[in-house]
Amino acid sequence: QVQLVESGGGLVQPGGSLRLSCTASGSGFRLNAMGWYRQAPGQERELVATISENGITTYTDSVKGRFLISRDNAKNTVYLQMSRLKPEDTASYYCNADVTYPSGAVYYTEAYWGQGTQVTVSS
């Protein structure tokens, strides 16, 4: 089994910064594409940013120029550096990863989710 554990959320004033981290643990797995999603109360979960295994990134328009996604493959960790935060960035942020893992002689690829970390932007 693979687990994703997020950290780094909290309360920050508008214009401030936070860095989220998400670390995968388990055995024998391979992390493929990874990403961050967010969900505000009463709204659907939306994709914020993705990063491929070789570092190609994508961002939703509302965070371009403010957020930066990165990964450290040696640490099985993906980061989301959030700058110039706005109240509308307030949400629970979830880490997502496509994970390939062995089961006997067969390899499977599944999407895994973290438990979420709350980000609140307020003065």
Protein backbone atom coordinates (compact mmCIF):
# COMPACT_ATOMS: atom_id res chain seq x y z
CA GLN A 1 0.00 0.00 0.00
CA VAL A 2 1.04 3.56 -0.68
CA GLN A 3 0.18 6.50 1.52
CA LEU A 4 0.33 10.20 0.70
CA VAL A 5 0.72 12.57 3.64
CA GLU A 6 0.39 16.32 3.22
CA SER A 7 1.66 19.07 5.47
CA GLY A 8 2.19 22.81 5.45
CA GLY A 9 -1.31 24.23 5.51
CA GLY A 10 -2.43 26.95 7.86
CA LEU A 11 -3.73 30.48 8.27
CA VAL A 12 -2.03 33.23 6.32
CA GLN A 13 -2.81 36.86 5.56
CA PRO A 14 -3.61 38.00 2.03
CA GLY A 15 -0.40 38.49 0.10
CA GLY A 16 1.42 35.93 2.21
CA SER A 17 3.03 32.63 1.29
CA LEU A 18 2.79 28.99 2.25
CA ARG A 19 4.52 25.83 1.09
CA LEU A 20 2.65 22.55 0.99
CA SER A 21 4.43 19.22 0.98
CA CYS A 22 3.18 15.76 0.13
CA THR A 23 5.30 12.67 0.77
CA ALA A 24 4.56 9.20 -0.47
CA SER A 25 5.48 6.16 1.61
CA GLY A 26 5.29 2.45 0.99
CA SER A 27 7.46 -0.10 -0.73
CA GLY A 28 8.30 -0.95 -4.30
CA PHE A 29 6.24 1.81 -5.84
CA ARG A 30 6.94 4.32 -8.58
CA LEU A 31 5.46 7.80 -8.66
CA ASN A 32 4.32 9.00 -12.06
CA ALA A 33 2.49 12.30 -12.51
CA MET A 34 1.62 14.16 -9.32
CA GLY A 35 -0.62 17.11 -8.63
CA TRP A 36 -2.45 19.33 -6.23
CA TYR A 37 -6.20 19.84 -6.12
CA ARG A 38 -8.29 22.06 -3.89
CA GLN A 39 -11.86 22.15 -2.73
CA ALA A 40 -13.61 25.07 -1.12
CA PRO A 41 -16.83 24.61 0.89
CA GLY A 42 -19.79 24.09 -1.40
CA GLN A 43 -17.63 23.84 -4.49
CA GLU A 44 -16.29 21.02 -6.60
CA ARG A 45 -12.71 19.86 -6.30
CA GLU A 46 -10.54 21.62 -8.87
CA LEU A 47 -7.14 20.88 -10.29
CA VAL A 48 -4.53 23.44 -9.22
CA ALA A 49 -1.25 22.18 -10.67
CA THR A 50 0.40 19.05 -12.02
CA ILE A 51 3.95 17.89 -12.54
CA SER A 52 5.04 14.96 -14.67
CA GLU A 53 7.70 12.46 -13.69
CA ASN A 54 10.28 14.44 -15.66
CA GLY A 55 9.20 17.84 -14.34
CA ILE A 56 6.76 19.23 -16.89
CA THR A 57 4.24 21.42 -15.10
CA THR A 58 0.74 22.74 -15.70
CA TYR A 59 -1.31 25.27 -13.72
CA THR A 60 -4.88 26.40 -13.60
CA ASP A 61 -5.15 29.99 -14.82
CA SER A 62 -6.08 31.46 -11.45
CA VAL A 63 -2.74 30.47 -9.87
CA LYS A 64 -0.34 31.04 -12.76
CA GLY A 65 2.51 33.30 -11.71
CA ARG A 66 1.71 32.82 -8.02
CA PHE A 67 2.05 29.08 -7.36
CA LEU A 68 4.98 26.81 -8.18
CA ILE A 69 4.80 23.02 -8.16
CA SER A 70 7.97 20.99 -7.84
CA ARG A 71 9.04 17.50 -6.86
CA ASP A 72 11.97 15.71 -5.30
CA ASN A 73 11.96 12.18 -6.68
CA ALA A 74 14.63 11.03 -4.24
CA LYS A 75 12.34 12.00 -1.36
CA ASN A 76 9.08 10.89 -3.05
CA THR A 77 7.77 14.36 -2.33
CA VAL A 78 5.84 16.98 -4.26
CA TYR A 79 5.66 20.61 -3.17
CA LEU A 80 3.35 23.52 -3.85
CA GLN A 81 4.88 26.91 -3.16
CA MET A 82 2.05 29.40 -2.91
CA SER A 83 2.78 33.13 -3.03
CA ARG A 84 0.67 36.28 -3.15
CA LEU A 85 -2.18 34.33 -1.62
CA LYS A 86 -5.73 35.63 -1.97
CA PRO A 87 -8.84 34.93 0.11
CA GLU A 88 -10.24 32.98 -2.83
CA ASP A 89 -7.35 30.52 -2.45
CA THR A 90 -8.93 29.36 0.81
CA ALA A 91 -9.68 25.65 0.49
CA SER A 92 -8.65 22.17 1.51
CA TYR A 93 -5.70 21.18 -0.64
CA TYR A 94 -5.24 17.57 -1.70
CA CYS A 95 -2.22 15.82 -3.11
CA ASN A 96 -2.76 13.32 -5.91
CA ALA A 97 -0.36 10.86 -7.46
CA ASP A 98 -0.47 8.20 -10.14
CA VAL A 99 1.34 5.29 -8.55
CA THR A 100 2.65 2.12 -10.15
CA TYR A 101 3.19 -0.74 -7.75
CA PRO A 102 3.81 -4.47 -7.98
CA SER A 103 1.41 -7.14 -6.82
CA GLY A 104 3.08 -10.47 -7.33
CA ALA A 105 4.27 -10.57 -10.93
CA VAL A 106 1.81 -7.89 -12.07
CA TYR A 107 2.19 -4.11 -11.98
CA TYR A 108 -0.79 -1.85 -11.38
CA THR A 109 -1.23 1.88 -11.73
CA GLU A 110 -3.73 3.68 -9.52
CA ALA A 111 -4.48 7.19 -8.40
CA TYR A 112 -3.84 7.91 -4.74
CA TRP A 113 -4.99 10.85 -2.66
CA GLY A 114 -3.73 12.48 0.47
CA GLN A 115 -5.99 13.35 3.38
CA GLY A 116 -5.98 17.07 2.65
CA THR A 117 -4.55 20.10 4.37
CA GLN A 118 -6.47 23.30 5.08
CA VAL A 119 -5.29 26.63 3.71
CA THR A 120 -7.08 29.73 4.98
CA VAL A 121 -6.24 33.16 3.62
CA SER A 122 -7.73 35.85 5.81
CA SER A 123 -6.82 39.06 7.57
